[in-house]
Amino acid sequence: MDSWVTPNEKFFSIAHFDRPTIDANAWKLEIDGLVNKPLSLSLADLKARPRQEVAFTVECSGNHGFPFFTGGIGNARWAGTPLAAILEEAGVKENGIEVVFWGTDVGDIALKDDTRDVKMHQNFARSMSLTDAMSPNNILCYEMNGTALPQPNGSPVRLIAPGWYGIVNVKWLKRIEIRNTRFMNLLMGRNYVTIREEEHNGETVWAETSVGRALLKSAPARVTRSNAGYRISGAAWGAPIAKVEVKVDDGPWAEATIDHAEEAEFAWKVWYLDWKDPSKGEHTITSRATDMAGKIQPAMDDPWITKKHTYWESNGQVTRRIGIA
């Protein structure tokens, strides 16, 4: 939290298979499947098209869910060309409903069914509906914070889908395919699946959903000395933010001040709360965000959190422990 924009060298990077190094000059993006006009586009072709920039805070859906993982988030200015115009040029056929984004990264997957073991040498892939893919916010991104997209973050081109969890923003793109059925694979149907208990007419129903759009969330980042004593600061994201509140120990919720110096629709809001004369010793600090629709970030004992049985999409209130000397 040294700055509103996370520097490229400090931005988190996750890979599920290998981390390919791709020759940008030889790279091509294929658009095929149920289209009237298959396309093959070079990086120069993409850069010759209209340029679009978006400030977007990307969070891994396992951030704060896995006990050991708390740094899977960063905010950057991403630039590229709109995806929708390319899909329109390719001409999606009438029966095309699903857009699959294939990465260059590849790995071996083992799957056991009732009769046999299946082994696949499979590229990373994620999909979204055609309606979602046609959002004017989505870009084929080749630039990050004013420089060429770094290799760990998907060079030469990745998908940037503002408002979605990081897993959807496919890195090292090689192909975009249109299909006439829903797409399921390891990273949509067997992993990155959120399992919840739901109540229906007094009966428990277990629901499994693929990780998709980001959820409302905030977190306290640090406590620093200030002229007023101490300052608690942090960020909120995942939805249009109306307010952020902070609780110290078991005290009352106090509304934080949102810093409006730098703002963007899909970027985190930085907030702070001045804390005067704290007692020495250990304290707990918790934050909660409220969005423009009045929805409040759930507490960790809220059924929305307690009835979730996977680590993904953990947007419960985050508590940090700090010591005052």
C-alpha atoms as a PDB file:
ATOM      1  CA  MET A   1       0.000   0.000   0.000  1.00  0.00           C
ATOM      2  CA  ASP A   2       2.861   2.393  -0.715  1.00  0.00           C
ATOM      3  CA  SER A   3       0.867   3.779  -3.634  1.00  0.00           C
ATOM      4  CA  TRP A   4      -2.587   3.540  -5.236  1.00  0.00           C
ATOM      5  CA  VAL A   5      -1.062   1.683  -8.195  1.00  0.00           C
ATOM      6  CA  THR A   6       0.912  -1.458  -7.413  1.00  0.00           C
ATOM      7  CA  PRO A   7       4.319  -1.390  -9.159  1.00  0.00           C
ATOM      8  CA  ASN A   8       4.840  -4.181 -11.683  1.00  0.00           C
ATOM      9  CA  GLU A   9       7.729  -5.683  -9.737  1.00  0.00           C
ATOM     10  CA  LYS A  10       5.551  -5.963  -6.601  1.00  0.00           C
ATOM     11  CA  PHE A  11       2.443  -7.314  -8.343  1.00  0.00           C
ATOM     12  CA  PHE A  12       1.500 -10.869  -7.416  1.00  0.00           C
ATOM     13  CA  SER A  13       1.634 -13.611 -10.050  1.00  0.00           C
ATOM     14  CA  ILE A  14       0.098 -17.074  -9.970  1.00  0.00           C
ATOM     15  CA  ALA A  15       0.556 -19.900 -12.469  1.00  0.00           C
ATOM     16  CA  HIS A  16      -1.135 -23.297 -12.386  1.00  0.00           C
ATOM     17  CA  PHE A  17       1.048 -24.926 -15.044  1.00  0.00           C
ATOM     18  CA  ASP A  18       4.319 -23.714 -16.556  1.00  0.00           C
ATOM     19  CA  ARG A  19       5.216 -20.034 -17.011  1.00  0.00           C
ATOM     20  CA  PRO A  20       5.828 -19.713 -20.755  1.00  0.00           C
ATOM     21  CA  THR A  21       8.248 -17.196 -22.222  1.00  0.00           C
ATOM     22  CA  ILE A  22       6.786 -16.198 -25.593  1.00  0.00           C
ATOM     23  CA  ASP A  23       8.435 -14.422 -28.525  1.00  0.00           C
ATOM     24  CA  ALA A  24       6.164 -11.401 -28.944  1.00  0.00           C
ATOM     25  CA  ASN A  25       7.258 -10.916 -32.561  1.00  0.00           C
ATOM     26  CA  ALA A  26       6.183 -14.427 -33.543  1.00  0.00           C
ATOM     27  CA  TRP A  27       3.078 -14.561 -31.343  1.00  0.00           C
ATOM     28  CA  LYS A  28      -0.381 -14.849 -32.911  1.00  0.00           C
ATOM     29  CA  LEU A  29      -3.838 -14.841 -31.352  1.00  0.00           C
ATOM     30  CA  GLU A  30      -6.324 -17.166 -33.025  1.00  0.00           C
ATOM     31  CA  ILE A  31     -10.069 -16.429 -32.923  1.00  0.00           C
ATOM     32  CA  ASP A  32     -12.007 -19.443 -34.144  1.00  0.00           C
ATOM     33  CA  GLY A  33     -14.805 -21.889 -33.402  1.00  0.00           C
ATOM     34  CA  LEU A  34     -18.333 -20.756 -34.234  1.00  0.00           C
ATOM     35  CA  VAL A  35     -17.384 -17.604 -36.128  1.00  0.00           C
ATOM     36  CA  ASN A  36     -18.012 -16.528 -39.700  1.00  0.00           C
ATOM     37  CA  LYS A  37     -14.514 -15.138 -40.151  1.00  0.00           C
ATOM     38  CA  PRO A  38     -11.677 -16.801 -38.204  1.00  0.00           C
ATOM     39  CA  LEU A  39      -8.918 -14.328 -37.331  1.00  0.00           C
ATOM     40  CA  SER A  40      -5.194 -14.575 -36.663  1.00  0.00           C
ATOM     41  CA  LEU A  41      -3.856 -11.402 -35.067  1.00  0.00           C
ATOM     42  CA  SER A  42      -0.288 -10.391 -34.252  1.00  0.00           C
ATOM     43  CA  LEU A  43       0.693  -8.091 -31.405  1.00  0.00           C
ATOM     44  CA  ALA A  44       1.190  -5.330 -33.982  1.00  0.00           C
ATOM     45  CA  ASP A  45      -2.360  -5.951 -35.245  1.00  0.00           C
ATOM     46  CA  LEU A  46      -3.747  -5.470 -31.753  1.00  0.00           C
ATOM     47  CA  LYS A  47      -1.699  -2.333 -31.150  1.00  0.00           C
ATOM     48  CA  ALA A  48      -2.977  -0.866 -34.420  1.00  0.00           C
ATOM     49  CA  ARG A  49      -6.534  -1.056 -33.086  1.00  0.00           C
ATOM     50  CA  PRO A  50      -8.198   1.453 -30.730  1.00  0.00           C
ATOM     51  CA  ARG A  51      -6.440   1.609 -27.361  1.00  0.00           C
ATOM     52  CA  GLN A  52      -8.381   1.367 -24.105  1.00  0.00           C
ATOM     53  CA  GLU A  53      -7.046   1.727 -20.556  1.00  0.00           C
ATOM     54  CA  VAL A  54      -8.641   0.647 -17.296  1.00  0.00           C
ATOM     55  CA  ALA A  55      -7.530   0.848 -13.671  1.00  0.00           C
ATOM     56  CA  PHE A  56      -8.532  -2.473 -12.156  1.00  0.00           C
ATOM     57  CA  THR A  57      -7.780  -4.150  -8.843  1.00  0.00           C
ATOM     58  CA  VAL A  58      -7.165  -7.854  -9.443  1.00  0.00           C
ATOM     59  CA  GLU A  59      -7.645 -10.232  -6.525  1.00  0.00           C
ATOM     60  CA  CYS A  60      -6.997 -13.966  -6.452  1.00  0.00           C
ATOM     61  CA  SER A  61     -10.167 -15.716  -5.290  1.00  0.00           C
ATOM     62  CA  GLY A  62      -8.072 -17.623  -2.725  1.00  0.00           C
ATOM     63  CA  ASN A  63      -6.803 -14.426  -1.089  1.00  0.00           C
ATOM     64  CA  HIS A  64      -7.499 -14.589   2.700  1.00  0.00           C
ATOM     65  CA  GLY A  65      -9.217 -17.941   2.117  1.00  0.00           C
ATOM     66  CA  PHE A  66      -6.122 -20.084   2.303  1.00  0.00           C
ATOM     67  CA  PRO A  67      -4.589 -19.613   5.789  1.00  0.00           C
ATOM     68  CA  PHE A  68      -1.151 -18.904   4.322  1.00  0.00           C
ATOM     69  CA  PHE A  69      -2.207 -16.523   1.538  1.00  0.00           C
ATOM     70  CA  THR A  70      -2.852 -12.811   2.168  1.00  0.00           C
ATOM     71  CA  GLY A  71      -1.025 -10.961  -0.627  1.00  0.00           C
ATOM     72  CA  GLY A  72      -2.958 -12.002  -3.720  1.00  0.00           C
ATOM     73  CA  ILE A  73      -4.191  -8.571  -4.735  1.00  0.00           C
ATOM     74  CA  GLY A  74      -2.879  -5.564  -6.667  1.00  0.00           C
ATOM     75  CA  ASN A  75      -4.085  -2.512  -8.546  1.00  0.00           C
ATOM     76  CA  ALA A  76      -2.721  -1.559 -11.971  1.00  0.00           C
ATOM     77  CA  ARG A  77      -3.475   0.465 -15.061  1.00  0.00           C
ATOM     78  CA  TRP A  78      -4.011  -2.039 -17.851  1.00  0.00           C
ATOM     79  CA  ALA A  79      -4.084  -1.078 -21.532  1.00  0.00           C
ATOM     80  CA  GLY A  80      -5.008  -2.941 -24.690  1.00  0.00           C
ATOM     81  CA  THR A  81      -7.763  -3.111 -27.255  1.00  0.00           C
ATOM     82  CA  PRO A  82     -11.462  -3.895 -26.638  1.00  0.00           C
ATOM     83  CA  LEU A  83     -12.388  -7.572 -26.965  1.00  0.00           C
ATOM     84  CA  ALA A  84     -15.971  -6.951 -28.146  1.00  0.00           C
ATOM     85  CA  ALA A  85     -14.906  -5.292 -31.409  1.00  0.00           C
ATOM     86  CA  ILE A  86     -12.752  -8.297 -32.326  1.00  0.00           C
ATOM     87  CA  LEU A  87     -15.571 -10.733 -31.616  1.00  0.00           C
ATOM     88  CA  GLU A  88     -17.881  -8.593 -33.740  1.00  0.00           C
ATOM     89  CA  GLU A  89     -15.373  -8.607 -36.589  1.00  0.00           C
ATOM     90  CA  ALA A  90     -15.058 -12.395 -36.388  1.00  0.00           C
ATOM     91  CA  GLY A  91     -18.848 -12.631 -36.505  1.00  0.00           C
ATOM     92  CA  VAL A  92     -20.132 -15.010 -33.844  1.00  0.00           C
ATOM     93  CA  LYS A  93     -22.601 -17.471 -35.327  1.00  0.00           C
ATOM     94  CA  GLU A  94     -26.167 -17.597 -34.069  1.00  0.00           C
ATOM     95  CA  ASN A  95     -25.596 -20.745 -32.007  1.00  0.00           C
ATOM     96  CA  GLY A  96     -22.423 -19.427 -30.348  1.00  0.00           C
ATOM     97  CA  ILE A  97     -23.051 -18.857 -26.621  1.00  0.00           C
ATOM     98  CA  GLU A  98     -19.713 -19.454 -24.853  1.00  0.00           C
ATOM     99  CA  VAL A  99     -16.289 -17.806 -25.258  1.00  0.00           C
ATOM    100  CA  VAL A 100     -13.281 -19.890 -24.198  1.00  0.00           C
ATOM    101  CA  PHE A 101      -9.916 -18.226 -23.535  1.00  0.00           C
ATOM    102  CA  TRP A 102      -6.980 -20.603 -24.006  1.00  0.00           C
ATOM    103  CA  GLY A 103      -3.586 -19.832 -22.501  1.00  0.00           C
ATOM    104  CA  THR A 104      -0.183 -20.942 -23.746  1.00  0.00           C
ATOM    105  CA  ASP A 105       0.671 -22.371 -20.317  1.00  0.00           C
ATOM    106  CA  VAL A 106       0.264 -26.140 -20.216  1.00  0.00           C
ATOM    107  CA  GLY A 107       0.457 -28.946 -17.688  1.00  0.00           C
ATOM    108  CA  ASP A 108      -0.411 -32.569 -17.018  1.00  0.00           C
ATOM    109  CA  ILE A 109      -3.773 -33.340 -15.420  1.00  0.00           C
ATOM    110  CA  ALA A 110      -4.772 -36.701 -13.975  1.00  0.00           C
ATOM    111  CA  LEU A 111      -8.462 -37.578 -13.664  1.00  0.00           C
ATOM    112  CA  LYS A 112      -9.876 -40.804 -12.273  1.00  0.00           C
ATOM    113  CA  ASP A 113     -13.405 -41.956 -13.117  1.00  0.00           C
ATOM    114  CA  ASP A 114     -15.217 -45.191 -12.277  1.00  0.00           C
ATOM    115  CA  THR A 115     -13.451 -47.311 -14.869  1.00  0.00           C
ATOM    116  CA  ARG A 116     -10.101 -45.794 -15.782  1.00  0.00           C
ATOM    117  CA  ASP A 117      -7.460 -43.164 -15.192  1.00  0.00           C
ATOM    118  CA  VAL A 118      -7.314 -40.336 -17.721  1.00  0.00           C
ATOM    119  CA  LYS A 119      -4.197 -38.225 -18.197  1.00  0.00           C
ATOM    120  CA  MET A 120      -4.304 -34.997 -20.181  1.00  0.00           C
ATOM    121  CA  HIS A 121      -1.591 -32.609 -21.343  1.00  0.00           C
ATOM    122  CA  GLN A 122      -3.847 -29.571 -21.151  1.00  0.00           C
ATOM    123  CA  ASN A 123      -3.598 -25.841 -21.735  1.00  0.00           C
ATOM    124  CA  PHE A 124      -4.952 -23.457 -19.130  1.00  0.00           C
ATOM    125  CA  ALA A 125      -8.455 -22.353 -20.137  1.00  0.00           C
ATOM    126  CA  ARG A 126     -11.373 -20.405 -18.712  1.00  0.00           C
ATOM    127  CA  SER A 127     -14.624 -19.289 -20.288  1.00  0.00           C
ATOM    128  CA  MET A 128     -17.503 -16.866 -19.904  1.00  0.00           C
ATOM    129  CA  SER A 129     -20.825 -16.423 -21.639  1.00  0.00           C
ATOM    130  CA  LEU A 130     -20.916 -14.490 -24.897  1.00  0.00           C
ATOM    131  CA  THR A 131     -22.947 -11.784 -23.140  1.00  0.00           C
ATOM    132  CA  ASP A 132     -20.262 -11.372 -20.477  1.00  0.00           C
ATOM    133  CA  ALA A 133     -17.447 -11.479 -23.032  1.00  0.00           C
ATOM    134  CA  MET A 134     -19.067  -8.675 -25.030  1.00  0.00           C
ATOM    135  CA  SER A 135     -18.839  -6.253 -22.105  1.00  0.00           C
ATOM    136  CA  PRO A 136     -17.202  -2.995 -23.274  1.00  0.00           C
ATOM    137  CA  ASN A 137     -14.932  -3.158 -20.224  1.00  0.00           C
ATOM    138  CA  ASN A 138     -13.026  -6.275 -21.348  1.00  0.00           C
ATOM    139  CA  ILE A 139      -9.703  -5.755 -23.127  1.00  0.00           C
ATOM    140  CA  LEU A 140      -6.985  -7.831 -24.719  1.00  0.00           C
ATOM    141  CA  CYS A 141      -4.213  -6.337 -22.643  1.00  0.00           C
ATOM    142  CA  TYR A 142      -0.596  -5.823 -23.759  1.00  0.00           C
ATOM    143  CA  GLU A 143       0.462  -3.054 -21.357  1.00  0.00           C
ATOM    144  CA  MET A 144       0.669  -2.758 -17.564  1.00  0.00           C
ATOM    145  CA  ASN A 145       1.335   0.533 -15.782  1.00  0.00           C
ATOM    146  CA  GLY A 146       2.665   2.145 -18.938  1.00  0.00           C
ATOM    147  CA  THR A 147       5.098  -0.595 -19.955  1.00  0.00           C
ATOM    148  CA  ALA A 148       4.879  -3.829 -21.931  1.00  0.00           C
ATOM    149  CA  LEU A 149       2.997  -6.529 -20.044  1.00  0.00           C
ATOM    150  CA  PRO A 150       5.588  -8.361 -17.893  1.00  0.00           C
ATOM    151  CA  GLN A 151       6.178 -12.061 -18.471  1.00  0.00           C
ATOM    152  CA  PRO A 152       4.911 -13.133 -15.006  1.00  0.00           C
ATOM    153  CA  ASN A 153       1.658 -11.269 -15.643  1.00  0.00           C
ATOM    154  CA  GLY A 154       0.870 -12.799 -19.034  1.00  0.00           C
ATOM    155  CA  SER A 155       3.115 -11.347 -21.742  1.00  0.00           C
ATOM    156  CA  PRO A 156       2.590 -10.663 -24.538  1.00  0.00           C
ATOM    157  CA  VAL A 157      -1.233 -10.529 -24.183  1.00  0.00           C
ATOM    158  CA  ARG A 158      -3.741 -11.446 -21.508  1.00  0.00           C
ATOM    159  CA  LEU A 159      -7.440 -10.982 -20.925  1.00  0.00           C
ATOM    160  CA  ILE A 160      -8.417  -8.233 -18.514  1.00  0.00           C
ATOM    161  CA  ALA A 161     -12.033  -8.559 -17.362  1.00  0.00           C
ATOM    162  CA  PRO A 162     -12.683  -5.784 -14.821  1.00  0.00           C
ATOM    163  CA  GLY A 163     -14.907  -6.847 -11.956  1.00  0.00           C
ATOM    164  CA  TRP A 164     -13.937 -10.541 -12.086  1.00  0.00           C
ATOM    165  CA  TYR A 165     -11.602 -12.579  -9.884  1.00  0.00           C
ATOM    166  CA  GLY A 166      -8.044 -13.083 -11.105  1.00  0.00           C
ATOM    167  CA  ILE A 167      -8.586 -16.641 -12.370  1.00  0.00           C
ATOM    168  CA  VAL A 168     -10.886 -15.299 -15.100  1.00  0.00           C
ATOM    169  CA  ASN A 169      -8.233 -12.886 -16.418  1.00  0.00           C
ATOM    170  CA  VAL A 170      -6.409 -15.467 -18.520  1.00  0.00           C
ATOM    171  CA  LYS A 171      -2.672 -14.866 -19.009  1.00  0.00           C
ATOM    172  CA  TRP A 172      -0.410 -15.809 -21.955  1.00  0.00           C
ATOM    173  CA  LEU A 173      -3.357 -15.900 -24.362  1.00  0.00           C
ATOM    174  CA  LYS A 174      -3.061 -17.975 -27.527  1.00  0.00           C
ATOM    175  CA  ARG A 175      -6.619 -18.643 -28.693  1.00  0.00           C
ATOM    176  CA  ILE A 176     -10.206 -17.467 -28.267  1.00  0.00           C
ATOM    177  CA  GLU A 177     -12.799 -20.066 -29.210  1.00  0.00           C
ATOM    178  CA  ILE A 178     -16.582 -19.722 -29.566  1.00  0.00           C
ATOM    179  CA  ARG A 179     -18.681 -22.756 -28.600  1.00  0.00           C
ATOM    180  CA  ASN A 180     -22.372 -23.658 -28.581  1.00  0.00           C
ATOM    181  CA  THR A 181     -22.340 -25.277 -25.120  1.00  0.00           C
ATOM    182  CA  ARG A 182     -21.094 -24.356 -21.666  1.00  0.00           C
ATOM    183  CA  PHE A 183     -17.386 -25.107 -21.185  1.00  0.00           C
ATOM    184  CA  MET A 184     -16.134 -27.070 -18.167  1.00  0.00           C
ATOM    185  CA  ASN A 185     -12.602 -28.134 -17.283  1.00  0.00           C
ATOM    186  CA  LEU A 186     -10.242 -28.534 -14.325  1.00  0.00           C
ATOM    187  CA  LEU A 187     -10.224 -24.814 -13.509  1.00  0.00           C
ATOM    188  CA  MET A 188     -13.977 -24.314 -13.839  1.00  0.00           C
ATOM    189  CA  GLY A 189     -15.690 -27.574 -12.917  1.00  0.00           C
ATOM    190  CA  ARG A 190     -13.343 -29.342 -10.480  1.00  0.00           C
ATOM    191  CA  ASN A 191     -11.153 -26.565  -9.072  1.00  0.00           C
ATOM    192  CA  TYR A 192     -12.039 -22.933  -8.370  1.00  0.00           C
ATOM    193  CA  VAL A 193     -15.457 -24.218  -7.359  1.00  0.00           C
ATOM    194  CA  THR A 194     -17.200 -22.720  -4.322  1.00  0.00           C
ATOM    195  CA  ILE A 195     -19.299 -25.166  -2.302  1.00  0.00           C
ATOM    196  CA  ARG A 196     -21.993 -23.760  -0.024  1.00  0.00           C
ATOM    197  CA  GLU A 197     -24.820 -25.034   2.130  1.00  0.00           C
ATOM    198  CA  GLU A 198     -28.088 -23.318   1.258  1.00  0.00           C
ATOM    199  CA  GLU A 199     -31.404 -23.560   3.076  1.00  0.00           C
ATOM    200  CA  HIS A 200     -34.580 -24.230   1.094  1.00  0.00           C
ATOM    201  CA  ASN A 201     -37.887 -24.862   2.905  1.00  0.00           C
ATOM    202  CA  GLY A 202     -36.021 -26.112   5.968  1.00  0.00           C
ATOM    203  CA  GLU A 203     -33.848 -28.439   3.931  1.00  0.00           C
ATOM    204  CA  THR A 204     -30.108 -28.107   3.327  1.00  0.00           C
ATOM    205  CA  VAL A 205     -29.134 -27.953  -0.338  1.00  0.00           C
ATOM    206  CA  TRP A 206     -25.488 -28.118  -1.370  1.00  0.00           C
ATOM    207  CA  ALA A 207     -24.637 -25.793  -4.254  1.00  0.00           C
ATOM    208  CA  GLU A 208     -21.417 -25.740  -6.289  1.00  0.00           C
ATOM    209  CA  THR A 209     -20.594 -22.671  -8.376  1.00  0.00           C
ATOM    210  CA  SER A 210     -17.600 -21.752 -10.481  1.00  0.00           C
ATOM    211  CA  VAL A 211     -15.615 -18.745  -9.253  1.00  0.00           C
ATOM    212  CA  GLY A 212     -16.545 -15.687 -11.301  1.00  0.00           C
ATOM    213  CA  ARG A 213     -17.234 -12.070 -10.394  1.00  0.00           C
ATOM    214  CA  ALA A 214     -15.392 -10.426  -7.505  1.00  0.00           C
ATOM    215  CA  LEU A 215     -17.205  -9.891  -4.186  1.00  0.00           C
ATOM    216  CA  LEU A 216     -17.407  -6.880  -1.876  1.00  0.00           C
ATOM    217  CA  LYS A 217     -14.411  -6.797   0.455  1.00  0.00           C
ATOM    218  CA  SER A 218     -12.057  -4.615   2.490  1.00  0.00           C
ATOM    219  CA  ALA A 219      -8.995  -5.156   4.630  1.00  0.00           C
ATOM    220  CA  PRO A 220      -6.895  -3.106   7.060  1.00  0.00           C
ATOM    221  CA  ALA A 221      -3.393  -2.858   5.620  1.00  0.00           C
ATOM    222  CA  ARG A 222      -1.237  -1.143   8.217  1.00  0.00           C
ATOM    223  CA  VAL A 223      -0.977   1.195  11.207  1.00  0.00           C
ATOM    224  CA  THR A 224       1.477   4.088  11.064  1.00  0.00           C
ATOM    225  CA  ARG A 225       2.396   6.977  13.324  1.00  0.00           C
ATOM    226  CA  SER A 226       0.825  10.324  12.445  1.00  0.00           C
ATOM    227  CA  ASN A 227       0.501  13.822  13.857  1.00  0.00           C
ATOM    228  CA  ALA A 228      -2.770  12.748  15.457  1.00  0.00           C
ATOM    229  CA  GLY A 229      -1.181   9.692  17.055  1.00  0.00           C
ATOM    230  CA  TYR A 230      -1.679   6.692  14.792  1.00  0.00           C
ATOM    231  CA  ARG A 231      -3.433   6.126  11.485  1.00  0.00           C
ATOM    232  CA  ILE A 232      -5.113   2.902  10.377  1.00  0.00           C
ATOM    233  CA  SER A 233      -5.255   2.551   6.611  1.00  0.00           C
ATOM    234  CA  GLY A 234      -6.469  -0.022   4.147  1.00  0.00           C
ATOM    235  CA  ALA A 235      -8.466  -0.588   0.997  1.00  0.00           C
ATOM    236  CA  ALA A 236     -11.928  -1.693  -0.165  1.00  0.00           C
ATOM    237  CA  TRP A 237     -12.877  -3.208  -3.507  1.00  0.00           C
ATOM    238  CA  GLY A 238     -15.109  -5.631  -5.393  1.00  0.00           C
ATOM    239  CA  ALA A 239     -18.137  -3.325  -5.761  1.00  0.00           C
ATOM    240  CA  PRO A 240     -18.969   0.403  -5.831  1.00  0.00           C
ATOM    241  CA  ILE A 241     -18.023   1.429  -2.279  1.00  0.00           C
ATOM    242  CA  ALA A 242     -20.367   3.618  -0.218  1.00  0.00           C
ATOM    243  CA  LYS A 243     -18.445   3.546   3.073  1.00  0.00           C
ATOM    244  CA  VAL A 244     -15.893   1.672   5.139  1.00  0.00           C
ATOM    245  CA  GLU A 245     -16.066   1.185   8.905  1.00  0.00           C
ATOM    246  CA  VAL A 246     -13.315   0.157  11.306  1.00  0.00           C
ATOM    247  CA  LYS A 247     -13.510  -1.520  14.699  1.00  0.00           C
ATOM    248  CA  VAL A 248     -10.653  -1.580  17.208  1.00  0.00           C
ATOM    249  CA  ASP A 249     -10.791  -4.536  19.592  1.00  0.00           C
ATOM    250  CA  ASP A 250     -14.431  -4.917  20.741  1.00  0.00           C
ATOM    251  CA  GLY A 251     -15.228  -1.236  20.377  1.00  0.00           C
ATOM    252  CA  PRO A 252     -17.891   0.398  18.203  1.00  0.00           C
ATOM    253  CA  TRP A 253     -17.673   0.688  14.424  1.00  0.00           C
ATOM    254  CA  ALA A 254     -16.244   4.043  13.314  1.00  0.00           C
ATOM    255  CA  GLU A 255     -16.578   5.329   9.761  1.00  0.00           C
ATOM    256  CA  ALA A 256     -13.261   5.722   7.943  1.00  0.00           C
ATOM    257  CA  THR A 257     -12.356   8.499   5.527  1.00  0.00           C
ATOM    258  CA  ILE A 258     -12.123   7.449   1.888  1.00  0.00           C
ATOM    259  CA  ASP A 259      -9.233   9.042   0.011  1.00  0.00           C
ATOM    260  CA  HIS A 260     -10.633  10.464  -3.232  1.00  0.00           C
ATOM    261  CA  ALA A 261      -7.255  11.594  -4.621  1.00  0.00           C
ATOM    262  CA  GLU A 262      -7.225   8.705  -7.121  1.00  0.00           C
ATOM    263  CA  GLU A 263     -10.339   6.767  -8.073  1.00  0.00           C
ATOM    264  CA  ALA A 264     -11.623   4.514 -10.831  1.00  0.00           C
ATOM    265  CA  GLU A 265     -14.710   2.363 -11.264  1.00  0.00           C
ATOM    266  CA  PHE A 266     -12.944  -0.993 -10.963  1.00  0.00           C
ATOM    267  CA  ALA A 267     -10.092   0.014  -8.656  1.00  0.00           C
ATOM    268  CA  TRP A 268      -9.832  -0.231  -4.900  1.00  0.00           C
ATOM    269  CA  LYS A 269     -10.741   2.657  -2.622  1.00  0.00           C
ATOM    270  CA  VAL A 270      -8.023   3.603  -0.154  1.00  0.00           C
ATOM    271  CA  TRP A 271      -9.320   4.587   3.289  1.00  0.00           C
ATOM    272  CA  TYR A 272      -7.911   5.681   6.659  1.00  0.00           C
ATOM    273  CA  LEU A 273      -8.993   6.279  10.252  1.00  0.00           C
ATOM    274  CA  ASP A 274      -7.039   8.327  12.771  1.00  0.00           C
ATOM    275  CA  TRP A 275      -6.529   6.532  16.091  1.00  0.00           C
ATOM    276  CA  LYS A 276      -5.650   8.737  19.047  1.00  0.00           C
ATOM    277  CA  ASP A 277      -3.871   7.590  22.191  1.00  0.00           C
ATOM    278  CA  PRO A 278      -4.122   3.800  21.838  1.00  0.00           C
ATOM    279  CA  SER A 279      -3.123   1.837  24.906  1.00  0.00           C
ATOM    280  CA  LYS A 280       0.091  -0.128  24.782  1.00  0.00           C
ATOM    281  CA  GLY A 281      -0.081  -3.793  23.967  1.00  0.00           C
ATOM    282  CA  GLU A 282      -1.811  -5.939  21.383  1.00  0.00           C
ATOM    283  CA  HIS A 283      -4.947  -4.815  19.543  1.00  0.00           C
ATOM    284  CA  THR A 284      -7.202  -6.223  16.841  1.00  0.00           C
ATOM    285  CA  ILE A 285      -8.368  -4.106  13.914  1.00  0.00           C
ATOM    286  CA  THR A 286     -11.288  -5.144  11.699  1.00  0.00           C
ATOM    287  CA  SER A 287     -12.808  -3.394   8.696  1.00  0.00           C
ATOM    288  CA  ARG A 288     -16.068  -3.803   6.821  1.00  0.00           C
ATOM    289  CA  ALA A 289     -17.196  -2.212   3.570  1.00  0.00           C
ATOM    290  CA  THR A 290     -20.713  -1.283   2.476  1.00  0.00           C
ATOM    291  CA  ASP A 291     -21.540  -0.980  -1.204  1.00  0.00           C
ATOM    292  CA  MET A 292     -23.852   1.484  -2.932  1.00  0.00           C
ATOM    293  CA  ALA A 293     -26.723  -1.023  -2.775  1.00  0.00           C
ATOM    294  CA  GLY A 294     -26.424  -1.217   1.014  1.00  0.00           C
ATOM    295  CA  LYS A 295     -24.825  -4.670   1.114  1.00  0.00           C
ATOM    296  CA  ILE A 296     -22.361  -5.088   3.994  1.00  0.00           C
ATOM    297  CA  GLN A 297     -19.205  -7.176   3.899  1.00  0.00           C
ATOM    298  CA  PRO A 298     -20.070 -10.257   6.003  1.00  0.00           C
ATOM    299  CA  ALA A 299     -18.544 -11.047   9.369  1.00  0.00           C
ATOM    300  CA  MET A 300     -16.612 -14.291   9.720  1.00  0.00           C
ATOM    301  CA  ASP A 301     -19.497 -15.836  11.679  1.00  0.00           C
ATOM    302  CA  ASP A 302     -22.075 -14.872   9.052  1.00  0.00           C
ATOM    303  CA  PRO A 303     -23.777 -17.925   7.456  1.00  0.00           C
ATOM    304  CA  TRP A 304     -22.531 -16.683   4.053  1.00  0.00           C
ATOM    305  CA  ILE A 305     -19.016 -17.477   5.296  1.00  0.00           C
ATOM    306  CA  THR A 306     -19.574 -20.329   7.762  1.00  0.00           C
ATOM    307  CA  LYS A 307     -21.617 -22.367   5.280  1.00  0.00           C
ATOM    308  CA  LYS A 308     -18.952 -22.059   2.594  1.00  0.00           C
ATOM    309  CA  HIS A 309     -16.792 -25.190   2.475  1.00  0.00           C
ATOM    310  CA  THR A 310     -13.999 -24.185   0.123  1.00  0.00           C
ATOM    311  CA  TYR A 311     -11.264 -21.570   0.361  1.00  0.00           C
ATOM    312  CA  TRP A 312     -12.422 -19.623  -2.703  1.00  0.00           C
ATOM    313  CA  GLU A 313     -14.269 -16.279  -2.668  1.00  0.00           C
ATOM    314  CA  SER A 314     -13.474 -15.526   0.969  1.00  0.00           C
ATOM    315  CA  ASN A 315     -14.783 -11.996   1.412  1.00  0.00           C
ATOM    316  CA  GLY A 316     -15.427 -12.100   5.161  1.00  0.00           C
ATOM    317  CA  GLN A 317     -14.253  -9.266   7.384  1.00  0.00           C
ATOM    318  CA  VAL A 318     -10.479  -9.259   7.818  1.00  0.00           C
ATOM    319  CA  THR A 319      -8.983  -8.788  11.293  1.00  0.00           C
ATOM    320  CA  ARG A 320      -5.360  -7.783  11.771  1.00  0.00           C
ATOM    321  CA  ARG A 321      -3.391  -7.965  15.029  1.00  0.00           C
ATOM    322  CA  ILE A 322      -0.962  -5.181  15.824  1.00  0.00           C
ATOM    323  CA  GLY A 323       1.179  -4.223  18.796  1.00  0.00           C
ATOM    324  CA  ILE A 324       1.593  -0.722  20.242  1.00  0.00           C
ATOM    325  CA  ALA A 325       4.885  -0.312  22.097  1.00  0.00           C
END
